[in-house]
């Protein structure tokens, strides 16, 4: 498993107050599934999470703590999740307090069917 912690700047200095912290918990081939990534995000109050760079992928946004809302008026509290389909455009807006999220990024079935079979190698 790869864990990427952006809680520190490249030079090792602490991140500025109000910066988004993003930890990648796993990436594509390590999962032996059609899951692209599992990420942990800590968003400052008033931040926006959009789908830049995630075209053609499904996402699940699970609020671990804090509150957030979607542009369509839907409100999310801790323990609630939303599925954002590959064809959807969506943005998540945090409330005025820090919000912790777990995101799952998944390949849609139309893409997954074109991929070669991936399975763990079993050692003797």
Protein backbone atom coordinates (compact mmCIF):
# COMPACT_ATOMS: atom_id res chain seq x y z
CA UNK A 1 0.00 0.00 0.00
CA UNK A 2 1.19 3.51 -0.77
CA UNK A 3 0.34 6.28 1.63
CA UNK A 4 1.04 9.76 0.37
CA UNK A 5 0.87 12.39 3.08
CA UNK A 6 0.69 16.00 1.96
CA UNK A 7 0.61 17.26 5.53
CA UNK A 8 4.08 18.71 4.94
CA UNK A 9 5.43 20.87 2.14
CA UNK A 10 8.12 19.44 -0.15
CA UNK A 11 10.86 21.09 1.93
CA UNK A 12 9.45 19.51 5.12
CA UNK A 13 7.92 22.75 6.43
CA UNK A 14 4.46 22.64 7.96
CA UNK A 15 1.57 23.32 5.59
CA UNK A 16 0.02 26.79 5.79
CA UNK A 17 -3.06 27.25 7.95
CA UNK A 18 -6.19 26.36 6.00
CA UNK A 19 -4.39 24.17 3.42
CA UNK A 20 -6.08 21.00 2.18
CA UNK A 21 -4.41 17.81 3.43
CA UNK A 22 -4.73 14.84 1.09
CA UNK A 23 -3.53 11.31 1.88
CA UNK A 24 -3.68 8.64 -0.81
CA UNK A 25 -4.32 5.32 0.92
CA UNK A 26 -4.11 3.06 -2.15
CA UNK A 27 -3.79 3.25 -5.93
CA UNK A 28 -5.08 1.19 -8.85
CA UNK A 29 -3.16 -2.09 -9.32
CA UNK A 30 -2.51 -2.58 -5.61
CA UNK A 31 -6.21 -3.07 -5.01
CA UNK A 32 -6.75 -5.88 -7.55
CA UNK A 33 -10.11 -4.37 -8.33
CA UNK A 34 -11.54 -1.67 -10.52
CA UNK A 35 -10.96 0.88 -7.80
CA UNK A 36 -8.72 3.69 -9.02
CA UNK A 37 -7.92 5.13 -5.58
CA UNK A 38 -8.89 5.43 -1.93
CA UNK A 39 -8.04 8.86 -0.53
CA UNK A 40 -8.36 10.64 2.81
CA UNK A 41 -8.85 14.41 2.56
CA UNK A 42 -8.94 17.09 5.22
CA UNK A 43 -10.50 20.19 3.72
CA UNK A 44 -10.47 23.57 5.46
CA UNK A 45 -13.71 25.41 6.06
CA UNK A 46 -15.08 27.05 2.94
CA UNK A 47 -13.13 24.78 0.56
CA UNK A 48 -14.38 23.26 -2.69
CA UNK A 49 -13.66 19.75 -3.96
CA UNK A 50 -14.43 19.37 -7.66
CA UNK A 51 -13.86 16.65 -10.24
CA UNK A 52 -10.80 18.12 -11.98
CA UNK A 53 -8.62 15.32 -13.28
CA UNK A 54 -11.27 12.68 -12.55
CA UNK A 55 -13.10 12.66 -15.90
CA UNK A 56 -14.66 9.30 -16.76
CA UNK A 57 -14.51 7.93 -13.20
CA UNK A 58 -17.17 7.31 -10.55
CA UNK A 59 -16.47 8.75 -7.10
CA UNK A 60 -17.92 8.15 -3.65
CA UNK A 61 -17.48 11.02 -1.21
CA UNK A 62 -17.97 9.89 2.42
CA UNK A 63 -18.00 12.62 5.06
CA UNK A 64 -16.09 11.40 8.12
CA UNK A 65 -16.47 14.61 10.14
CA UNK A 66 -17.74 18.11 9.53
CA UNK A 67 -20.42 19.20 7.08
CA UNK A 68 -20.50 19.81 3.36
CA UNK A 69 -22.98 20.48 0.61
CA UNK A 70 -23.42 19.95 -3.10
CA UNK A 71 -24.30 22.63 -5.61
CA UNK A 72 -27.81 21.19 -5.93
CA UNK A 73 -28.63 22.03 -2.29
CA UNK A 74 -27.96 18.55 -0.86
CA UNK A 75 -26.36 18.73 2.59
CA UNK A 76 -24.00 16.05 3.92
CA UNK A 77 -23.04 15.41 7.55
CA UNK A 78 -20.62 12.94 9.15
CA UNK A 79 -21.51 9.39 8.13
CA UNK A 80 -23.26 10.40 4.91
CA UNK A 81 -21.99 9.67 1.41
CA UNK A 82 -22.78 10.61 -2.15
CA UNK A 83 -22.04 8.73 -5.40
CA UNK A 84 -20.90 11.00 -8.20
CA UNK A 85 -21.23 9.11 -11.48
CA UNK A 86 -18.63 9.46 -14.24
CA UNK A 87 -21.01 11.52 -16.36
CA UNK A 88 -21.98 13.90 -13.52
CA UNK A 89 -20.51 17.29 -12.84
CA UNK A 90 -20.40 18.00 -9.14
CA UNK A 91 -18.58 20.00 -6.53
CA UNK A 92 -18.53 19.52 -2.78
CA UNK A 93 -18.49 22.71 -0.70
CA UNK A 94 -17.38 22.46 2.93
CA UNK A 95 -19.09 24.37 5.70
CA UNK A 96 -17.15 26.93 7.70
CA UNK A 97 -15.37 24.23 9.72
CA UNK A 98 -12.78 21.63 8.69
CA UNK A 99 -14.26 18.59 6.92
CA UNK A 100 -12.71 15.12 6.72
CA UNK A 101 -13.58 12.93 3.72
CA UNK A 102 -12.85 9.44 2.49
CA UNK A 103 -13.09 9.22 -1.30
CA UNK A 104 -13.28 6.12 -3.46
CA UNK A 105 -12.57 6.57 -7.16
CA UNK A 106 -13.88 3.74 -9.34
CA UNK A 107 -13.72 2.81 -13.00
CA UNK A 108 -17.13 2.58 -14.67
CA UNK A 109 -18.12 -0.83 -15.99
CA UNK A 110 -17.76 0.33 -19.61
CA UNK A 111 -14.05 0.96 -18.97
CA UNK A 112 -13.43 -2.01 -16.67
CA UNK A 113 -14.72 -4.49 -19.28
CA UNK A 114 -11.96 -3.40 -21.70
CA UNK A 115 -9.14 -4.01 -19.21
CA UNK A 116 -7.15 -7.24 -18.96
CA UNK A 117 -7.98 -9.44 -15.98
CA UNK A 118 -5.97 -8.45 -12.92
CA UNK A 119 -5.58 -10.83 -10.03
CA UNK A 120 -3.11 -11.27 -7.17
CA UNK A 121 -0.24 -13.65 -7.81
CA UNK A 122 -0.39 -16.63 -5.47
CA UNK A 123 3.03 -17.75 -4.31
CA UNK A 124 3.67 -21.44 -3.55
